Structure formats: structure tokens, C-alpha cells
Amino acid sequence: MVTTTDEEILSLFREQSTKSEGFTLLMNKYNERIYWHIRRLVVSHDDAQDVLQETFINVYKGLDGFSGESKLYTWLYRIATNECLRLFRNKKKFLVAEGEVNEKLINQLHESTTTDVDQLLVTFQEAILRLPEKQQLVFNMRYYDELSYEEISQILDSSVATLKTNYHYASSKIKEYMLNNS
């Protein structure tokens, strides 16, 4: 299997005659990775699909303006993360209490769990969902996506030191939750 570089994808996208091919290659290369990033944040497959679609619509609209100051996937993660945050803000408009969004996500997590799924993994996901928003984002990007603090810094527009602190607090809270709820 031949992998297309980001530079080749961008070059194809910027030419009118190969724009569609370039975008298809970009989606093929990053679709699964971006989907799972979104899915871990929004929990629901349907919400993840909606956010993924909005993400790629925004990518298509903005790709001509991509300056290349960051890596392409870092830019994609930033758009996907912003779309997740937009979804959360929209849901909060309909839910009265601040914690209701996370409680709704936790309920969805338990509802979508089948009996053969390891309960420890469900408890781990629940612990992540109980974190404050920024800690949740940093933890997911660092732990699951294995992004460097520098990459996360570009995505969240935050200092590396702040991100390290958020990750440390998130890890401690998750550990404590796992010890108390396993």
C-alpha cells in the first residue's frame, strides 16, 4: 500500500482538476483517526458521525487557507476538537445544570455497553467523562492519540506547561476514581 504524504494531498487539493482526488485522499488518510478522537469526546456514534461530517466540511472550506505552520493532522484535530466543543455548547443550551451533559454522556456510555464488555474499561471511560473539559481533552489527546504536548499546544492554543499540569491532574483524578469505583 502506498501512502500519500500530506504535501502530495495538499498539492492535489490546490489544483482545481485534482481537488476532489486530494480531498478524498485526505479523508481516507485521517478519517478513522479523527473519528476516534471525536468519539472518545462525544461518546455517541451518531454524534461522532455528525461532528466528523462537520469537521470535514470545515476542512474542505478552509484547506485552501491552510498555511502549513502546523502539521496537517494537528490542524485537523483542532477543527475536530472545536466541533466537539460546539456540540457540547449546543447541548448545554438545552440542559439546565452544567454537569448534565457529562451525566448524559455517562448514561450513553452505560447504555451502549454490552454485557461482554470489560467493566473496568467502562469505569475508565466514565472517569474520563467526569474530568473538567480541558483535562478531558488533554488526557484523550495525550493518552489515546499519543500526541506530543507541543502538538496539543497547537490544537488547544495553550502552553505546554499548562497542558502538562492538566494531564497530571487528569491522571491523578482518573487513578483515584478507578481505585474508588472498581
N, C-alpha and C. Protein backbone atom coordinates (compact mmCIF):
# COMPACT_ATOMS: atom_id res chain seq x y z
N MET A 1 0.84 -1.18 0.00
CA MET A 1 0.00 0.00 0.00
C MET A 1 0.89 1.24 0.00
N VAL A 2 0.63 2.13 -0.88
CA VAL A 2 1.39 3.37 -0.99
C VAL A 2 0.69 4.44 -0.15
N THR A 3 1.45 5.09 0.70
CA THR A 3 0.86 6.18 1.49
C THR A 3 1.19 7.50 0.84
N THR A 4 0.19 8.33 0.81
CA THR A 4 0.34 9.65 0.22
C THR A 4 0.77 10.62 1.32
N THR A 5 1.73 11.45 1.05
CA THR A 5 2.18 12.43 2.04
C THR A 5 1.20 13.58 2.11
N ASP A 6 1.27 14.30 3.22
CA ASP A 6 0.42 15.48 3.37
C ASP A 6 0.70 16.50 2.28
N GLU A 7 1.97 16.64 1.92
CA GLU A 7 2.34 17.60 0.88
C GLU A 7 1.70 17.24 -0.46
N GLU A 8 1.68 15.93 -0.78
CA GLU A 8 1.05 15.47 -2.02
C GLU A 8 -0.46 15.72 -1.99
N ILE A 9 -1.07 15.46 -0.83
CA ILE A 9 -2.50 15.69 -0.68
C ILE A 9 -2.82 17.17 -0.89
N LEU A 10 -2.06 18.04 -0.23
CA LEU A 10 -2.28 19.48 -0.35
C LEU A 10 -2.06 19.95 -1.78
N SER A 11 -1.05 19.41 -2.42
CA SER A 11 -0.76 19.80 -3.81
C SER A 11 -1.93 19.41 -4.73
N LEU A 12 -2.45 18.20 -4.54
CA LEU A 12 -3.60 17.76 -5.33
C LEU A 12 -4.83 18.62 -5.04
N PHE A 13 -5.03 18.94 -3.78
CA PHE A 13 -6.22 19.72 -3.40
C PHE A 13 -6.17 21.13 -3.98
N ARG A 14 -5.02 21.69 -4.06
CA ARG A 14 -4.90 23.08 -4.52
C ARG A 14 -5.04 23.24 -6.03
N GLU A 15 -4.97 22.16 -6.77
CA GLU A 15 -5.19 22.19 -8.22
C GLU A 15 -6.67 21.87 -8.48
N GLN A 16 -7.34 22.72 -9.21
CA GLN A 16 -8.78 22.55 -9.45
C GLN A 16 -9.10 21.19 -10.08
N SER A 17 -8.25 20.73 -10.99
CA SER A 17 -8.53 19.46 -11.68
C SER A 17 -8.36 18.23 -10.79
N THR A 18 -7.61 18.35 -9.68
CA THR A 18 -7.38 17.20 -8.79
C THR A 18 -7.86 17.47 -7.37
N LYS A 19 -8.63 18.53 -7.18
CA LYS A 19 -9.11 18.92 -5.85
C LYS A 19 -9.88 17.79 -5.18
N SER A 20 -10.79 17.20 -5.91
CA SER A 20 -11.62 16.13 -5.37
C SER A 20 -10.77 14.92 -4.96
N GLU A 21 -9.82 14.57 -5.80
CA GLU A 21 -8.92 13.45 -5.50
C GLU A 21 -8.09 13.74 -4.24
N GLY A 22 -7.60 14.95 -4.12
CA GLY A 22 -6.82 15.34 -2.95
C GLY A 22 -7.63 15.26 -1.67
N PHE A 23 -8.86 15.73 -1.73
CA PHE A 23 -9.72 15.69 -0.54
C PHE A 23 -10.08 14.26 -0.18
N THR A 24 -10.34 13.43 -1.17
CA THR A 24 -10.63 12.02 -0.91
C THR A 24 -9.44 11.33 -0.24
N LEU A 25 -8.24 11.61 -0.71
CA LEU A 25 -7.04 11.05 -0.09
C LEU A 25 -6.89 11.52 1.35
N LEU A 26 -7.17 12.80 1.60
CA LEU A 26 -7.09 13.34 2.95
C LEU A 26 -8.09 12.62 3.86
N MET A 27 -9.31 12.46 3.39
CA MET A 27 -10.33 11.77 4.20
C MET A 27 -9.94 10.33 4.45
N ASN A 28 -9.45 9.65 3.42
CA ASN A 28 -9.03 8.25 3.59
C ASN A 28 -7.90 8.12 4.61
N LYS A 29 -6.98 9.07 4.58
CA LYS A 29 -5.82 9.02 5.47
C LYS A 29 -6.18 9.33 6.92
N TYR A 30 -7.08 10.28 7.15
CA TYR A 30 -7.33 10.76 8.50
C TYR A 30 -8.71 10.45 9.08
N ASN A 31 -9.61 9.93 8.28
CA ASN A 31 -10.99 9.71 8.72
C ASN A 31 -11.07 8.89 10.01
N GLU A 32 -10.44 7.74 10.05
CA GLU A 32 -10.55 6.86 11.21
C GLU A 32 -9.92 7.49 12.45
N ARG A 33 -8.79 8.08 12.30
CA ARG A 33 -8.08 8.70 13.42
C ARG A 33 -8.89 9.86 14.01
N ILE A 34 -9.45 10.69 13.16
CA ILE A 34 -10.26 11.82 13.61
C ILE A 34 -11.57 11.31 14.22
N TYR A 35 -12.17 10.29 13.60
CA TYR A 35 -13.42 9.74 14.13
C TYR A 35 -13.23 9.29 15.58
N TRP A 36 -12.17 8.53 15.86
CA TRP A 36 -11.98 8.01 17.21
C TRP A 36 -11.63 9.11 18.20
N HIS A 37 -10.95 10.13 17.75
CA HIS A 37 -10.71 11.29 18.62
C HIS A 37 -12.05 11.91 19.02
N ILE A 38 -12.91 12.12 18.05
CA ILE A 38 -14.23 12.70 18.29
C ILE A 38 -15.07 11.75 19.15
N ARG A 39 -15.08 10.49 18.82
CA ARG A 39 -15.93 9.51 19.51
C ARG A 39 -15.60 9.43 20.99
N ARG A 40 -14.32 9.49 21.32
CA ARG A 40 -13.94 9.45 22.74
C ARG A 40 -14.46 10.68 23.48
N LEU A 41 -14.61 11.78 22.80
CA LEU A 41 -15.09 13.00 23.44
C LEU A 41 -16.61 13.05 23.53
N VAL A 42 -17.30 12.64 22.47
CA VAL A 42 -18.76 12.79 22.45
C VAL A 42 -19.50 11.50 22.80
N VAL A 43 -18.80 10.38 22.86
CA VAL A 43 -19.29 9.06 23.25
C VAL A 43 -20.22 8.43 22.21
N SER A 44 -21.26 9.08 21.83
CA SER A 44 -22.26 8.53 20.92
C SER A 44 -21.73 8.43 19.49
N HIS A 45 -21.97 7.27 18.87
CA HIS A 45 -21.56 7.08 17.47
C HIS A 45 -22.26 8.09 16.55
N ASP A 46 -23.57 8.30 16.78
CA ASP A 46 -24.32 9.23 15.93
C ASP A 46 -23.78 10.65 16.05
N ASP A 47 -23.51 11.09 17.27
CA ASP A 47 -22.93 12.43 17.47
C ASP A 47 -21.54 12.49 16.83
N ALA A 48 -20.78 11.43 16.98
CA ALA A 48 -19.43 11.40 16.40
C ALA A 48 -19.49 11.50 14.87
N GLN A 49 -20.43 10.81 14.27
CA GLN A 49 -20.59 10.89 12.82
C GLN A 49 -20.97 12.30 12.38
N ASP A 50 -21.89 12.93 13.13
CA ASP A 50 -22.30 14.30 12.80
C ASP A 50 -21.12 15.28 12.93
N VAL A 51 -20.37 15.15 14.02
CA VAL A 51 -19.22 16.04 14.24
C VAL A 51 -18.14 15.78 13.19
N LEU A 52 -17.94 14.52 12.84
CA LEU A 52 -16.95 14.18 11.81
C LEU A 52 -17.33 14.82 10.48
N GLN A 53 -18.59 14.75 10.14
CA GLN A 53 -19.07 15.35 8.89
C GLN A 53 -18.84 16.87 8.91
N GLU A 54 -19.21 17.52 10.01
CA GLU A 54 -18.99 18.96 10.13
C GLU A 54 -17.50 19.30 10.07
N THR A 55 -16.70 18.45 10.68
CA THR A 55 -15.25 18.66 10.66
C THR A 55 -14.73 18.66 9.23
N PHE A 56 -15.11 17.67 8.46
CA PHE A 56 -14.61 17.58 7.09
C PHE A 56 -15.21 18.65 6.17
N ILE A 57 -16.40 19.10 6.47
CA ILE A 57 -16.96 20.23 5.72
C ILE A 57 -16.10 21.46 5.98
N ASN A 58 -15.77 21.71 7.25
CA ASN A 58 -14.92 22.85 7.60
C ASN A 58 -13.51 22.71 7.02
N VAL A 59 -13.00 21.49 7.00
CA VAL A 59 -11.68 21.25 6.42
C VAL A 59 -11.72 21.60 4.93
N TYR A 60 -12.73 21.13 4.24
CA TYR A 60 -12.85 21.40 2.81
C TYR A 60 -12.90 22.91 2.54
N LYS A 61 -13.70 23.61 3.33
CA LYS A 61 -13.84 25.06 3.15
C LYS A 61 -12.54 25.80 3.47
N GLY A 62 -11.78 25.30 4.43
CA GLY A 62 -10.61 26.04 4.90
C GLY A 62 -9.27 25.55 4.40
N LEU A 63 -9.25 24.44 3.68
CA LEU A 63 -7.97 23.84 3.29
C LEU A 63 -7.14 24.72 2.38
N ASP A 64 -7.79 25.51 1.54
CA ASP A 64 -7.03 26.42 0.68
C ASP A 64 -6.24 27.44 1.51
N GLY A 65 -6.76 27.77 2.69
CA GLY A 65 -6.10 28.74 3.55
C GLY A 65 -5.13 28.13 4.54
N PHE A 66 -4.98 26.80 4.52
CA PHE A 66 -4.05 26.14 5.43
C PHE A 66 -2.63 26.60 5.11
N SER A 67 -1.99 27.20 6.10
CA SER A 67 -0.68 27.82 5.87
C SER A 67 0.49 26.86 6.01
N GLY A 68 0.28 25.74 6.66
CA GLY A 68 1.37 24.79 6.85
C GLY A 68 2.25 25.12 8.05
N GLU A 69 1.82 26.06 8.89
CA GLU A 69 2.60 26.39 10.09
C GLU A 69 2.57 25.25 11.09
N SER A 70 1.55 24.43 11.03
CA SER A 70 1.47 23.24 11.87
C SER A 70 1.34 22.03 10.94
N LYS A 71 1.41 20.84 11.52
CA LYS A 71 1.20 19.63 10.72
C LYS A 71 -0.28 19.58 10.32
N LEU A 72 -0.55 18.94 9.22
CA LEU A 72 -1.93 18.85 8.73
C LEU A 72 -2.83 18.16 9.75
N TYR A 73 -2.37 17.03 10.34
CA TYR A 73 -3.25 16.34 11.28
C TYR A 73 -3.48 17.17 12.54
N THR A 74 -2.52 18.00 12.94
CA THR A 74 -2.72 18.88 14.09
C THR A 74 -3.84 19.87 13.78
N TRP A 75 -3.83 20.40 12.58
CA TRP A 75 -4.88 21.33 12.13
C TRP A 75 -6.23 20.61 12.12
N LEU A 76 -6.26 19.37 11.63
CA LEU A 76 -7.50 18.59 11.59
C LEU A 76 -8.03 18.34 13.01
N TYR A 77 -7.13 17.99 13.93
CA TYR A 77 -7.54 17.75 15.32
C TYR A 77 -8.12 19.02 15.93
N ARG A 78 -7.54 20.15 15.61
CA ARG A 78 -8.04 21.42 16.16
C ARG A 78 -9.47 21.67 15.67
N ILE A 79 -9.70 21.45 14.40
CA ILE A 79 -11.05 21.64 13.84
C ILE A 79 -12.02 20.65 14.48
N ALA A 80 -11.62 19.39 14.59
CA ALA A 80 -12.48 18.36 15.19
C ALA A 80 -12.78 18.69 16.65
N THR A 81 -11.78 19.12 17.38
CA THR A 81 -11.95 19.46 18.80
C THR A 81 -12.90 20.65 18.93
N ASN A 82 -12.72 21.65 18.09
CA ASN A 82 -13.62 22.80 18.13
C ASN A 82 -15.06 22.41 17.80
N GLU A 83 -15.24 21.47 16.88
CA GLU A 83 -16.59 20.99 16.55
C GLU A 83 -17.20 20.23 17.73
N CYS A 84 -16.38 19.48 18.45
CA CYS A 84 -16.87 18.78 19.65
C CYS A 84 -17.31 19.79 20.70
N LEU A 85 -16.49 20.81 20.90
CA LEU A 85 -16.82 21.85 21.89
C LEU A 85 -18.10 22.59 21.49
N ARG A 86 -18.28 22.80 20.18
CA ARG A 86 -19.51 23.45 19.69
C ARG A 86 -20.72 22.57 20.01
N LEU A 87 -20.58 21.26 19.79
CA LEU A 87 -21.67 20.34 20.11
C LEU A 87 -22.00 20.39 21.60
N PHE A 88 -20.96 20.41 22.45
CA PHE A 88 -21.19 20.48 23.90
C PHE A 88 -21.91 21.77 24.28
N ARG A 89 -21.49 22.89 23.70
CA ARG A 89 -22.14 24.17 23.98
C ARG A 89 -23.62 24.13 23.56
N ASN A 90 -23.89 23.55 22.40
CA ASN A 90 -25.28 23.45 21.93
C ASN A 90 -26.11 22.57 22.85
N LYS A 91 -25.52 21.48 23.34
CA LYS A 91 -26.25 20.60 24.25
C LYS A 91 -26.50 21.28 25.59
N LYS A 92 -25.53 22.09 26.03
CA LYS A 92 -25.68 22.78 27.32
C LYS A 92 -26.82 23.78 27.27
N LYS A 93 -27.12 24.32 26.09
CA LYS A 93 -28.23 25.25 25.97
C LYS A 93 -29.55 24.57 26.33
N PHE A 94 -29.64 23.27 26.09
CA PHE A 94 -30.87 22.54 26.33
C PHE A 94 -30.90 21.84 27.68
N LEU A 95 -29.74 21.75 28.32
CA LEU A 95 -29.67 21.08 29.62
C LEU A 95 -29.40 22.13 30.68
N VAL A 96 -30.15 22.07 31.76
CA VAL A 96 -30.11 23.13 32.76
C VAL A 96 -28.79 23.16 33.53
N ALA A 97 -28.43 22.12 34.18
CA ALA A 97 -27.25 22.10 35.04
C ALA A 97 -25.99 21.82 34.23
N GLU A 98 -24.89 22.40 34.64
CA GLU A 98 -23.59 22.25 33.96
C GLU A 98 -23.18 20.79 33.84
N GLY A 99 -23.38 20.01 34.90
CA GLY A 99 -22.94 18.62 34.90
C GLY A 99 -23.85 17.69 34.12
N GLU A 100 -24.98 18.18 33.65
CA GLU A 100 -25.93 17.30 32.96
C GLU A 100 -25.38 16.74 31.65
N VAL A 101 -24.56 17.50 30.94
CA VAL A 101 -24.01 17.00 29.68
C VAL A 101 -23.16 15.77 29.95
N ASN A 102 -22.24 15.87 30.92
CA ASN A 102 -21.38 14.73 31.23
C ASN A 102 -22.19 13.55 31.77
N GLU A 103 -23.21 13.83 32.59
CA GLU A 103 -24.05 12.74 33.09
C GLU A 103 -24.78 12.05 31.94
N LYS A 104 -25.25 12.84 30.97
CA LYS A 104 -25.92 12.27 29.79
C LYS A 104 -24.94 11.39 29.01
N LEU A 105 -23.70 11.86 28.85
CA LEU A 105 -22.69 11.07 28.15
C LEU A 105 -22.37 9.78 28.91
N ILE A 106 -22.30 9.87 30.23
CA ILE A 106 -22.03 8.68 31.05
C ILE A 106 -23.18 7.69 30.90
N ASN A 107 -24.41 8.18 30.90
CA ASN A 107 -25.56 7.29 30.70
C ASN A 107 -25.50 6.63 29.33
N GLN A 108 -25.13 7.39 28.30
CA GLN A 108 -24.99 6.82 26.95
C GLN A 108 -23.91 5.74 26.94
N LEU A 109 -22.83 5.98 27.66
CA LEU A 109 -21.74 5.01 27.74
C LEU A 109 -22.26 3.70 28.32
N HIS A 110 -23.02 3.79 29.42
CA HIS A 110 -23.56 2.58 30.05
C HIS A 110 -24.62 1.92 29.17
N GLU A 111 -25.44 2.70 28.49
CA GLU A 111 -26.49 2.15 27.62
C GLU A 111 -25.91 1.43 26.42
N SER A 112 -24.78 1.94 25.91
CA SER A 112 -24.19 1.34 24.71
C SER A 112 -23.27 0.17 25.04
N THR A 113 -23.13 -0.12 26.32
CA THR A 113 -22.24 -1.19 26.75
C THR A 113 -23.00 -2.50 26.77
N THR A 114 -22.39 -3.50 26.17
CA THR A 114 -22.98 -4.83 26.20
C THR A 114 -22.39 -5.59 27.39
N THR A 115 -23.02 -6.69 27.74
CA THR A 115 -22.60 -7.42 28.93
C THR A 115 -21.20 -8.02 28.81
N ASP A 116 -20.73 -8.24 27.59
CA ASP A 116 -19.41 -8.87 27.43
C ASP A 116 -18.26 -7.86 27.41
N VAL A 117 -18.57 -6.58 27.58
CA VAL A 117 -17.53 -5.56 27.61
C VAL A 117 -16.94 -5.52 29.02
N ASP A 118 -15.67 -5.36 29.08
CA ASP A 118 -14.98 -5.31 30.36
C ASP A 118 -15.43 -4.10 31.16
N GLN A 119 -15.98 -4.33 32.33
CA GLN A 119 -16.50 -3.25 33.18
C GLN A 119 -15.39 -2.27 33.58
N LEU A 120 -14.17 -2.74 33.66
CA LEU A 120 -13.05 -1.86 34.01
C LEU A 120 -12.87 -0.77 32.95
N LEU A 121 -13.04 -1.13 31.68
CA LEU A 121 -12.93 -0.14 30.61
C LEU A 121 -14.06 0.89 30.67
N VAL A 122 -15.24 0.44 31.03
CA VAL A 122 -16.38 1.36 31.16
C VAL A 122 -16.11 2.32 32.31
N THR A 123 -15.60 1.81 33.42
CA THR A 123 -15.27 2.65 34.57
C THR A 123 -14.19 3.66 34.20
N PHE A 124 -13.21 3.22 33.41
CA PHE A 124 -12.14 4.11 32.95
C PHE A 124 -12.72 5.24 32.10
N GLN A 125 -13.60 4.90 31.15
CA GLN A 125 -14.23 5.91 30.30
C GLN A 125 -15.09 6.87 31.13
N GLU A 126 -15.78 6.32 32.11
CA GLU A 126 -16.60 7.16 32.98
C GLU A 126 -15.71 8.14 33.76
N ALA A 127 -14.57 7.67 34.23
CA ALA A 127 -13.64 8.54 34.96
C ALA A 127 -13.19 9.70 34.06
N ILE A 128 -12.92 9.41 32.80
CA ILE A 128 -12.50 10.45 31.86
C ILE A 128 -13.64 11.46 31.65
N LEU A 129 -14.87 10.96 31.51
CA LEU A 129 -16.01 11.85 31.29
C LEU A 129 -16.31 12.74 32.48
N ARG A 130 -15.85 12.35 33.65
CA ARG A 130 -16.08 13.15 34.86
C ARG A 130 -15.04 14.26 35.04
N LEU A 131 -14.02 14.28 34.19
CA LEU A 131 -12.99 15.31 34.27
C LEU A 131 -13.53 16.65 33.74
N PRO A 132 -12.94 17.75 34.21
CA PRO A 132 -13.27 19.04 33.57
C PRO A 132 -12.89 18.99 32.09
N GLU A 133 -13.56 19.80 31.29
CA GLU A 133 -13.43 19.76 29.84
C GLU A 133 -11.98 19.79 29.35
N LYS A 134 -11.19 20.73 29.84
CA LYS A 134 -9.81 20.87 29.35
C LYS A 134 -8.98 19.65 29.70
N GLN A 135 -9.13 19.14 30.93
CA GLN A 135 -8.39 17.95 31.34
C GLN A 135 -8.80 16.75 30.49
N GLN A 136 -10.07 16.66 30.18
CA GLN A 136 -10.58 15.59 29.34
C GLN A 136 -9.94 15.63 27.94
N LEU A 137 -9.90 16.82 27.37
CA LEU A 137 -9.30 16.99 26.05
C LEU A 137 -7.82 16.62 26.06
N VAL A 138 -7.09 17.16 27.01
CA VAL A 138 -5.65 16.91 27.08
C VAL A 138 -5.38 15.42 27.32
N PHE A 139 -6.12 14.82 28.24
CA PHE A 139 -5.91 13.41 28.53
C PHE A 139 -6.17 12.55 27.30
N ASN A 140 -7.28 12.77 26.61
CA ASN A 140 -7.61 11.97 25.43
C ASN A 140 -6.55 12.11 24.34
N MET A 141 -6.11 13.34 24.09
CA MET A 141 -5.13 13.55 23.02
C MET A 141 -3.77 12.95 23.37
N ARG A 142 -3.41 13.02 24.64
CA ARG A 142 -2.10 12.52 25.05
C ARG A 142 -2.14 10.99 25.19
N TYR A 143 -3.14 10.47 25.88
CA TYR A 143 -3.21 9.05 26.20
C TYR A 143 -3.60 8.20 24.98
N TYR A 144 -4.69 8.55 24.34
CA TYR A 144 -5.19 7.75 23.22
C TYR A 144 -4.51 8.08 21.90
N ASP A 145 -4.41 9.36 21.60
CA ASP A 145 -3.87 9.77 20.31
C ASP A 145 -2.36 9.88 20.30
N GLU A 146 -1.75 9.80 21.49
CA GLU A 146 -0.30 9.84 21.66
C GLU A 146 0.33 11.07 21.02
N LEU A 147 -0.38 12.20 21.12
CA LEU A 147 0.15 13.45 20.60
C LEU A 147 1.13 14.03 21.62
N SER A 148 2.12 14.73 21.12
CA SER A 148 3.08 15.39 22.00
C SER A 148 2.41 16.61 22.63
N TYR A 149 3.00 17.09 23.70
CA TYR A 149 2.46 18.30 24.33
C TYR A 149 2.54 19.49 23.37
N GLU A 150 3.56 19.50 22.54
CA GLU A 150 3.70 20.59 21.57
C GLU A 150 2.55 20.56 20.56
N GLU A 151 2.19 19.36 20.10
CA GLU A 151 1.07 19.24 19.16
C GLU A 151 -0.25 19.63 19.82
N ILE A 152 -0.44 19.18 21.05
CA ILE A 152 -1.67 19.53 21.78
C ILE A 152 -1.72 21.03 22.01
N SER A 153 -0.56 21.62 22.26
CA SER A 153 -0.47 23.06 22.46
C SER A 153 -0.98 23.82 21.23
N GLN A 154 -0.62 23.34 20.05
CA GLN A 154 -1.09 23.96 18.81
C GLN A 154 -2.60 23.76 18.62
N ILE A 155 -3.10 22.61 19.00
CA ILE A 155 -4.52 22.31 18.83
C ILE A 155 -5.38 23.14 19.78
N LEU A 156 -4.96 23.20 21.05
CA LEU A 156 -5.77 23.87 22.07
C LEU A 156 -5.34 25.30 22.34
N ASP A 157 -4.28 25.73 21.67
CA ASP A 157 -3.77 27.09 21.85
C ASP A 157 -3.51 27.38 23.33
N SER A 158 -2.69 26.51 23.92
CA SER A 158 -2.39 26.59 25.34
C SER A 158 -0.91 26.28 25.54
N SER A 159 -0.34 26.73 26.64
CA SER A 159 1.09 26.49 26.87
C SER A 159 1.35 25.02 27.23
N VAL A 160 2.53 24.56 26.92
CA VAL A 160 2.94 23.19 27.21
C VAL A 160 2.89 22.94 28.72
N ALA A 161 3.36 23.90 29.50
CA ALA A 161 3.36 23.75 30.96
C ALA A 161 1.94 23.55 31.49
N THR A 162 1.00 24.34 30.99
CA THR A 162 -0.40 24.21 31.41
C THR A 162 -0.95 22.84 31.03
N LEU A 163 -0.60 22.38 29.85
CA LEU A 163 -1.08 21.07 29.39
C LEU A 163 -0.51 19.94 30.24
N LYS A 164 0.75 20.04 30.58
CA LYS A 164 1.36 19.01 31.45
C LYS A 164 0.67 18.98 32.80
N THR A 165 0.36 20.15 33.33
CA THR A 165 -0.35 20.23 34.60
C THR A 165 -1.74 19.61 34.47
N ASN A 166 -2.46 19.95 33.40
CA ASN A 166 -3.79 19.38 33.18
C ASN A 166 -3.74 17.87 33.04
N TYR A 167 -2.73 17.36 32.35
CA TYR A 167 -2.60 15.92 32.18
C TYR A 167 -2.31 15.25 33.53
N HIS A 168 -1.45 15.86 34.31
CA HIS A 168 -1.11 15.31 35.63
C HIS A 168 -2.36 15.25 36.51
N TYR A 169 -3.12 16.35 36.57
CA TYR A 169 -4.35 16.36 37.37
C TYR A 169 -5.35 15.34 36.85
N ALA A 170 -5.49 15.26 35.55
CA ALA A 170 -6.42 14.29 34.95
C ALA A 170 -6.02 12.86 35.33
N SER A 171 -4.76 12.54 35.19
CA SER A 171 -4.28 11.19 35.52
C SER A 171 -4.53 10.86 36.99
N SER A 172 -4.27 11.83 37.86
CA SER A 172 -4.49 11.62 39.30
C SER A 172 -5.97 11.39 39.60
N LYS A 173 -6.83 12.18 38.99
CA LYS A 173 -8.27 12.04 39.22
C LYS A 173 -8.79 10.71 38.68
N ILE A 174 -8.28 10.29 37.54
CA ILE A 174 -8.70 9.01 36.96
C ILE A 174 -8.26 7.87 37.85
N LYS A 175 -7.01 7.92 38.30
CA LYS A 175 -6.50 6.88 39.20
C LYS A 175 -7.35 6.79 40.46
N GLU A 176 -7.65 7.94 41.06
CA GLU A 176 -8.45 7.97 42.27
C GLU A 176 -9.86 7.40 42.01
N TYR A 177 -10.46 7.81 40.88
CA TYR A 177 -11.79 7.31 40.54
C TYR A 177 -11.77 5.80 40.34
N MET A 178 -10.74 5.32 39.66
CA MET A 178 -10.64 3.87 39.40
C MET A 178 -10.48 3.08 40.71
N LEU A 179 -9.68 3.61 41.63
CA LEU A 179 -9.49 2.93 42.91
C LEU A 179 -10.76 2.90 43.74
N ASN A 180 -11.55 3.97 43.65
CA ASN A 180 -12.77 4.06 44.46
C ASN A 180 -14.00 3.41 43.82
N ASN A 181 -13.94 3.10 42.52
CA ASN A 181 -15.12 2.60 41.82
C ASN A 181 -14.92 1.29 41.08
N SER A 182 -13.84 0.61 41.32
CA SER A 182 -13.58 -0.66 40.62
C SER A 182 -13.98 -1.84 41.48
